[in-house]
Protein backbone atom coordinates (compact mmCIF):
# COMPACT_ATOMS: atom_id res chain seq x y z
CA UNK A 1 93.50 122.50 124.83
CA UNK A 2 92.23 119.76 122.68
CA UNK A 3 92.47 119.61 119.10
CA UNK A 4 89.05 117.85 118.51
CA UNK A 5 87.48 121.61 119.81
CA UNK A 6 89.91 123.45 119.12
CA UNK A 7 90.25 123.33 115.12
CA UNK A 8 87.21 125.09 113.95
CA UNK A 9 88.06 124.38 109.97
CA UNK A 10 85.28 121.84 109.92
CA UNK A 11 84.17 119.85 106.78
CA UNK A 12 81.66 118.29 108.42
CA UNK A 13 80.76 115.71 111.35
CA UNK A 14 81.78 111.89 110.91
CA UNK A 15 80.24 109.09 113.27
CA UNK A 16 83.46 106.91 114.55
CA UNK A 17 83.13 103.26 115.07
CA UNK A 18 82.72 103.92 118.50
CA UNK A 19 80.07 106.35 118.29
CA UNK A 20 82.18 109.41 118.94
CA UNK A 21 81.75 112.66 117.29
CA UNK A 22 84.80 115.08 115.92
CA UNK A 23 85.25 118.83 114.02
CA UNK A 24 87.59 117.53 110.88
CA UNK A 25 90.89 119.69 110.59
CA UNK A 26 90.71 121.03 106.97
CA UNK A 27 93.02 122.20 104.48
CA UNK A 28 92.02 125.05 102.61
CA UNK A 29 94.06 123.89 99.36
CA UNK A 30 97.99 124.15 98.44
CA UNK A 31 99.13 127.64 98.45
CA UNK A 32 102.57 128.62 97.09
CA UNK A 33 105.32 127.01 98.52
CA UNK A 34 106.47 130.03 100.60
CA UNK A 35 102.97 130.65 102.32
CA UNK A 36 102.70 126.74 102.89
CA UNK A 37 105.89 126.97 104.50
CA UNK A 38 105.28 130.28 106.67
CA UNK A 39 101.90 127.87 108.21
CA UNK A 40 104.52 125.05 109.58
CA UNK A 41 105.62 127.07 112.03
CA UNK A 42 103.39 129.96 112.41
CA UNK A 43 99.60 129.57 113.51
CA UNK A 44 97.69 129.53 110.67
CA UNK A 45 95.26 132.35 110.88
CA UNK A 46 92.13 130.76 110.81
CA UNK A 47 93.42 128.74 113.53
CA UNK A 48 92.53 129.60 117.39
CA UNK A 49 95.53 127.96 119.11
CA UNK A 50 94.77 129.65 122.46
CA UNK A 51 92.18 132.69 123.56
CA UNK A 52 94.39 135.74 124.28
CA UNK A 53 95.53 136.40 127.40
CA UNK A 54 94.34 138.90 129.90
CA UNK A 55 97.70 139.39 131.32
CA UNK A 56 101.47 138.84 130.04
CA UNK A 57 103.25 136.38 131.52
CA UNK A 58 106.18 137.23 133.10
CA UNK A 59 109.50 136.98 131.55
CA UNK A 60 111.39 133.49 132.55
CA UNK A 61 114.71 133.79 134.19
CA UNK A 62 117.62 131.55 135.05
CA UNK A 63 116.75 131.45 138.25
CA UNK A 64 113.27 129.66 137.78
CA UNK A 65 114.89 127.01 136.20
CA UNK A 66 113.94 124.54 133.04
CA UNK A 67 111.11 122.95 135.00
CA UNK A 68 109.17 126.33 135.24
CA UNK A 69 109.45 126.52 131.36
CA UNK A 70 107.43 122.85 130.73
CA UNK A 71 105.03 123.89 133.56
CA UNK A 72 102.33 125.44 131.30
CA UNK A 73 101.54 121.83 129.42
CA UNK A 74 101.16 119.91 132.63
CA UNK A 75 100.10 117.55 133.52
CA UNK A 76 100.70 116.02 130.30
CA UNK A 77 104.12 116.90 130.51
CA UNK A 78 105.81 116.01 133.79
CA UNK A 79 109.20 116.88 135.32
CA UNK A 80 111.55 115.74 138.43
CA UNK A 81 114.90 116.79 139.17
CA UNK A 82 117.39 113.76 139.59
CA UNK A 83 121.14 115.27 140.25
CA UNK A 84 122.14 117.47 137.81
CA UNK A 85 119.44 116.52 135.29
CA UNK A 86 116.06 117.73 134.68
CA UNK A 87 113.86 114.48 133.45
CA UNK A 88 111.06 115.43 131.28
CA UNK A 89 107.99 112.75 131.05
CA UNK A 90 105.50 113.06 127.62
CA UNK A 91 103.39 111.07 125.19
CA UNK A 92 105.01 113.20 122.30
CA UNK A 93 101.56 114.49 120.95
CA UNK A 94 101.02 117.79 121.39
CA UNK A 95 97.79 119.34 122.04
CA UNK A 96 97.31 121.29 118.78
CA UNK A 97 96.37 119.83 115.57
CA UNK A 98 98.59 117.58 113.27
CA UNK A 99 99.96 116.52 110.04
CA UNK A 100 97.26 118.63 108.12
CA UNK A 101 99.17 120.06 104.99
CA UNK A 102 102.05 117.17 104.13
CA UNK A 103 102.50 116.78 100.83
CA UNK A 104 105.67 114.69 101.20
CA UNK A 105 103.61 111.85 103.38
CA UNK A 106 105.99 108.58 104.46
CA UNK A 107 102.49 106.67 105.31
CA UNK A 108 103.33 107.33 109.25
CA UNK A 109 100.82 108.49 111.42
CA UNK A 110 101.23 109.90 115.21
CA UNK A 111 101.52 107.24 117.95
CA UNK A 112 101.51 108.25 121.79
CA UNK A 113 105.22 107.08 122.95
CA UNK A 114 106.46 105.58 126.39
CA UNK A 115 108.85 109.12 126.91
CA UNK A 116 108.44 108.02 130.78
CA UNK A 117 110.56 106.53 133.66
CA UNK A 118 113.98 105.40 131.78
CA UNK A 119 112.77 106.50 128.93
CA UNK A 120 112.51 109.64 129.75
CA UNK A 121 113.92 113.17 128.28
CA UNK A 122 116.78 114.31 130.16
CA UNK A 123 117.77 118.34 130.09
CA UNK A 124 121.36 119.30 131.89
CA UNK A 125 120.50 121.45 134.38
CA UNK A 126 124.10 123.08 134.62
CA UNK A 127 125.36 122.88 131.19
CA UNK A 128 128.72 122.65 130.16
CA UNK A 129 130.16 125.28 127.20
CA UNK A 130 132.35 123.12 124.86
CA UNK A 131 135.63 124.36 124.17
CA UNK A 132 134.72 124.80 120.57
CA UNK A 133 130.80 124.55 119.42
CA UNK A 134 129.30 121.60 117.23
CA UNK A 135 127.74 122.74 113.82
CA UNK A 136 124.28 120.45 113.23
CA UNK A 137 124.42 121.00 109.67
CA UNK A 138 124.84 117.77 107.93
CA UNK A 139 124.96 116.30 111.37
CA UNK A 140 122.87 114.90 113.89
CA UNK A 141 120.32 113.41 111.25
CA UNK A 142 119.08 110.97 113.61
CA UNK A 143 116.99 111.86 116.62
CA UNK A 144 116.35 114.99 118.52
CA UNK A 145 118.76 117.74 118.92
CA UNK A 146 116.10 119.91 121.15
CA UNK A 147 113.05 119.18 123.15
CA UNK A 148 110.16 121.77 123.06
CA UNK A 149 108.43 122.64 126.28
CA UNK A 150 104.91 120.73 125.25
CA UNK A 151 107.11 117.40 125.30
CA UNK A 152 107.11 117.07 121.62
CA UNK A 153 110.87 116.24 120.52
CA UNK A 154 112.59 118.74 118.06
CA UNK A 155 114.69 117.32 115.04
CA UNK A 156 117.57 118.63 113.27
CA UNK A 157 115.88 120.79 110.00
CA UNK A 158 117.63 118.39 108.08
CA UNK A 159 115.92 114.91 107.67
CA UNK A 160 117.45 111.57 107.98
CA UNK A 161 118.68 112.18 104.14
CA UNK A 162 119.89 115.62 104.32
CA UNK A 163 117.20 117.76 102.78
CA UNK A 164 115.90 120.27 104.58
CA UNK A 165 111.87 119.07 105.52
CA UNK A 166 110.33 122.69 105.43
CA UNK A 167 111.31 123.00 101.67
CA UNK A 168 109.90 120.07 100.55
CA UNK A 169 106.75 119.34 101.95
CA UNK A 170 107.20 117.32 104.57
CA UNK A 171 105.84 119.18 107.75
CA UNK A 172 102.23 119.83 108.86
CA UNK A 173 100.95 123.72 109.52
CA UNK A 174 102.99 123.25 113.19
CA UNK A 175 106.70 122.20 112.03
CA UNK A 176 105.80 118.90 112.76
CA UNK A 177 105.55 115.16 111.03
CA UNK A 178 105.69 111.58 112.05
CA UNK A 179 109.24 109.27 111.82
CA UNK A 180 109.58 105.56 110.93
CA UNK A 181 108.27 104.45 114.44
CA UNK A 182 105.01 106.70 114.12
CA UNK A 183 106.87 109.53 116.41
CA UNK A 184 105.49 112.94 116.50
CA UNK A 185 108.48 115.47 116.29
CA UNK A 186 108.99 118.93 114.97
CA UNK A 187 111.60 119.90 112.27
CA UNK A 188 111.52 123.91 113.06
CA UNK A 189 111.06 125.96 116.23
CA UNK A 190 107.41 125.61 117.29
CA UNK A 191 107.34 129.64 117.73
CA UNK A 192 102.87 128.87 117.96
CA UNK A 193 103.58 127.75 121.20
CA UNK A 194 104.03 131.00 122.61
CA UNK A 195 100.57 131.72 122.30
CA UNK A 196 100.25 129.32 125.33
CA UNK A 197 103.67 130.20 126.82
CA UNK A 198 103.88 134.29 126.17
CA UNK A 199 106.89 136.01 124.34
CA UNK A 200 110.04 135.75 126.56
CA UNK A 201 109.82 132.21 127.69
CA UNK A 202 111.42 129.44 126.45
CA UNK A 203 109.81 126.92 123.62
CA UNK A 204 112.48 124.64 123.83
CA UNK A 205 115.75 123.39 125.46
CA UNK A 206 118.78 121.92 123.05
CA UNK A 207 119.85 118.62 124.55
CA UNK A 208 122.94 120.61 125.40
CA UNK A 209 120.98 121.80 128.59
CA UNK A 210 120.56 125.93 126.86
CA UNK A 211 117.17 126.94 126.26
CA UNK A 212 115.59 128.12 122.84
CA UNK A 213 113.39 131.47 122.81
CA UNK A 214 111.49 133.02 119.60
CA UNK A 215 112.42 135.63 117.54
CA UNK A 216 112.73 138.21 120.06
CA UNK A 217 113.80 138.97 123.58
CA UNK A 218 111.61 139.10 126.58
CA UNK A 219 110.88 143.25 126.23
CA UNK A 220 110.17 142.38 122.27
CA UNK A 221 113.15 143.66 121.22
CA UNK A 222 115.35 141.58 118.22
CA UNK A 223 118.16 139.86 119.28
CA UNK A 224 121.40 141.35 118.91
CA UNK A 225 125.13 139.71 118.54
CA UNK A 226 124.57 136.37 118.33
CA UNK A 227 127.17 134.19 118.22
CA UNK A 228 127.49 131.26 114.96
CA UNK A 229 125.09 128.78 117.24
CA UNK A 230 122.39 131.84 117.13
CA UNK A 231 122.97 132.32 121.12
CA UNK A 232 124.27 134.89 123.33
CA UNK A 233 124.08 135.46 126.81
CA UNK A 234 121.96 138.30 128.71
CA UNK A 235 121.58 139.42 131.96
CA UNK A 236 118.45 136.99 134.00
CA UNK A 237 118.79 134.47 130.72
CA UNK A 238 122.14 133.83 130.78
CA UNK A 239 123.36 131.65 127.90
CA UNK A 240 120.15 131.12 125.30
CA UNK A 241 119.58 130.29 121.33
CA UNK A 242 116.83 132.47 119.54
CA UNK A 243 114.59 130.63 116.81
CA UNK A 244 114.57 132.25 113.46
CA UNK A 245 111.84 131.82 110.30
CA UNK A 246 114.30 130.54 107.70
CA UNK A 247 117.24 127.51 108.26
CA UNK A 248 118.29 126.70 110.67
CA UNK A 249 115.34 127.74 112.41
CA UNK A 250 116.68 126.86 115.62
CA UNK A 251 120.08 126.66 117.11
CA UNK A 252 122.80 126.43 114.36
CA UNK A 253 124.78 124.39 116.61
CA UNK A 254 125.23 123.00 120.52
CA UNK A 255 127.19 125.55 122.24
CA UNK A 256 127.10 123.18 125.02
CA UNK A 257 128.82 119.80 125.57
CA UNK A 258 126.96 116.39 123.90
CA UNK A 259 127.89 113.14 123.38
CA UNK A 260 127.51 112.42 119.29
CA UNK A 261 126.89 108.73 118.83
CA UNK A 262 125.75 106.74 115.48
CA UNK A 263 124.40 110.27 114.23
CA UNK A 264 122.38 111.21 116.98
CA UNK A 265 122.99 113.10 120.56
CA UNK A 266 123.56 110.70 123.27
CA UNK A 267 121.45 109.42 125.48
CA UNK A 268 118.02 109.86 124.60
CA UNK A 269 114.67 108.19 124.94
CA UNK A 270 113.47 105.57 122.09
CA UNK A 271 110.46 105.82 120.26
CA UNK A 272 108.45 102.33 120.15
CA UNK A 273 107.55 101.64 116.76
CA UNK A 274 104.63 98.95 116.13
CA UNK A 275 104.77 98.23 112.45
CA UNK A 276 107.36 98.71 109.60
CA UNK A 277 108.20 101.91 108.29
CA UNK A 278 106.92 102.73 104.77
CA UNK A 279 107.61 104.43 101.62
CA UNK A 280 106.08 107.82 100.15
CA UNK A 281 103.21 107.64 98.78
CA UNK A 282 103.41 110.04 95.67
CA UNK A 283 100.66 112.44 94.75
CA UNK A 284 99.43 112.24 98.25
CA UNK A 285 98.12 115.49 100.60
CA UNK A 286 96.93 114.97 104.17
CA UNK A 287 93.63 116.73 104.59
CA UNK A 288 92.27 116.24 108.51
CA UNK A 289 93.44 114.41 111.49
CA UNK A 290 91.16 114.02 114.23
CA UNK A 291 91.50 112.28 117.97
CA UNK A 292 88.71 110.35 118.41
CA UNK A 293 89.27 108.94 121.84
CA UNK A 294 91.51 110.76 124.30
CA UNK A 295 95.27 109.05 123.18
CA UNK A 296 93.00 105.50 121.99
CA UNK A 297 91.57 106.46 118.61
CA UNK A 298 92.47 108.39 115.89
CA UNK A 299 91.44 109.08 111.93
CA UNK A 300 93.82 110.42 109.07
CA UNK A 301 92.45 111.75 106.00
CA UNK A 302 94.08 112.25 103.14
CA UNK A 303 93.74 112.51 99.50
CA UNK A 304 95.52 111.24 95.97
CA UNK A 305 94.99 113.12 93.02
CA UNK A 306 91.32 114.39 94.55
CA UNK A 307 90.53 110.84 95.39
CA UNK A 308 89.78 110.61 99.46
CA UNK A 309 91.32 107.99 101.56
CA UNK A 310 91.96 107.29 105.21
CA UNK A 311 93.68 105.53 108.25
CA UNK A 312 92.05 104.92 111.28
CA UNK A 313 93.61 103.17 114.30
CA UNK A 314 93.29 102.75 117.92
CA UNK A 315 94.66 101.21 121.03
CA UNK A 316 93.45 97.31 121.83
CA UNK A 317 95.93 97.09 124.39
CA UNK A 318 99.66 97.96 125.47
CA UNK A 319 101.86 98.13 122.20
CA UNK A 320 98.95 96.73 120.40
CA UNK A 321 96.90 98.84 117.64
CA UNK A 322 94.24 98.13 115.44
CA UNK A 323 94.71 99.82 111.89
CA UNK A 324 91.51 100.59 109.41
CA UNK A 325 93.22 101.33 105.73
CA UNK A 326 90.61 102.98 103.08
CA UNK A 327 92.76 103.26 99.67
CA UNK A 328 91.91 105.74 97.54
CA UNK A 329 91.38 102.80 94.72
CA UNK A 330 88.32 101.51 97.30
CA UNK A 331 90.21 98.61 98.93
CA UNK A 332 90.02 98.29 103.01
CA UNK A 333 92.12 96.45 105.09
CA UNK A 334 92.46 95.78 108.66
CA UNK A 335 95.92 95.14 110.25
CA UNK A 336 96.34 94.68 114.12
CA UNK A 337 100.24 95.54 115.06
CA UNK A 338 102.17 94.67 118.27
CA UNK A 339 105.17 96.24 119.06
CA UNK A 340 106.80 92.75 120.34
CA UNK A 341 106.28 91.84 116.49
CA UNK A 342 107.93 94.49 114.77
CA UNK A 343 110.76 93.65 112.61
CA UNK A 344 112.33 96.82 112.14
CA UNK A 345 111.83 100.26 110.02
CA UNK A 346 112.49 100.51 106.92
CA UNK A 347 111.73 96.90 105.30
CA UNK A 348 108.35 97.29 105.29
CA UNK A 349 105.96 97.09 102.06
CA UNK A 350 103.18 98.89 101.51
CA UNK A 351 99.89 97.50 99.77
CA UNK A 352 99.58 97.80 96.25
CA UNK A 353 97.57 100.37 96.11
CA UNK A 354 99.93 102.47 97.53
CA UNK A 355 103.05 101.79 95.74
CA UNK A 356 102.99 104.45 93.50
CA UNK A 357 106.55 106.06 92.43
């Protein structure tokens, strides 16, 4: 499922410098906050996330194992078993659209990430129940707490400052945005993945190893008797969590054993940034995002008080990206970033037209 051909809210066609054509993903205006938030983790009604299936997928069972839940997204997502651990490899980018609808933008953009080899995601195949669960509220504010079955990490619903991302305009229509390393991730349950997986199958796995299902049980009924972590045990599925459309969106805490180190679950992969993190561009609204060449060239379009701007970027080598900034004020800049030269996030300075407070 390709974003370039799957999203038909086209503003028009543009020619990228390399000569490729792509459809724009449009933004039909900023709705009331509650309506916009609903789009963050539910498929927008005007977007065709997947063709309706002619047959209902079989409900997932514990006997299948976690690897089967990731299979619909192969070969972009790859799995292998090492001992009691499922290793999951991906580049962290989904097949669906990204970034459109964000109104609190930190000027980060999606880059493919090296979640592979020794830097793969690790899902315990035999989760160990903890003597007492571990809540996620105001904890685990760095890094992922779960991994979606399309290979995209899921962070705490709270951002690293403690604010709920879905409530302050930070998330796109699919419930995601980019972190300080230009790493795309969700902050809510990606319920829209059920268009591919089918209802009753996991949409994610918490990093303690337990699966996360959508709003219902496999038979379509509402889940009953959820515990404090929004989980319960049922025949065939064993212990599992259920997502929700309001906070905490995912599980409320870890039922299984996890190691907490430096405000995150440890171990987990590291994202590879190529440039310093910037600050929020006040008044910006992301209106479009296009993949111009597979995993190697992209364009993000935005507006600041109705004046358009864009960020175009393309891969020029391993860990090397050329960025072209078209500022709303009219300035055009090109910068080449190299991962080996990144001095760390949080200290980057925005160009002068972007220093709005």
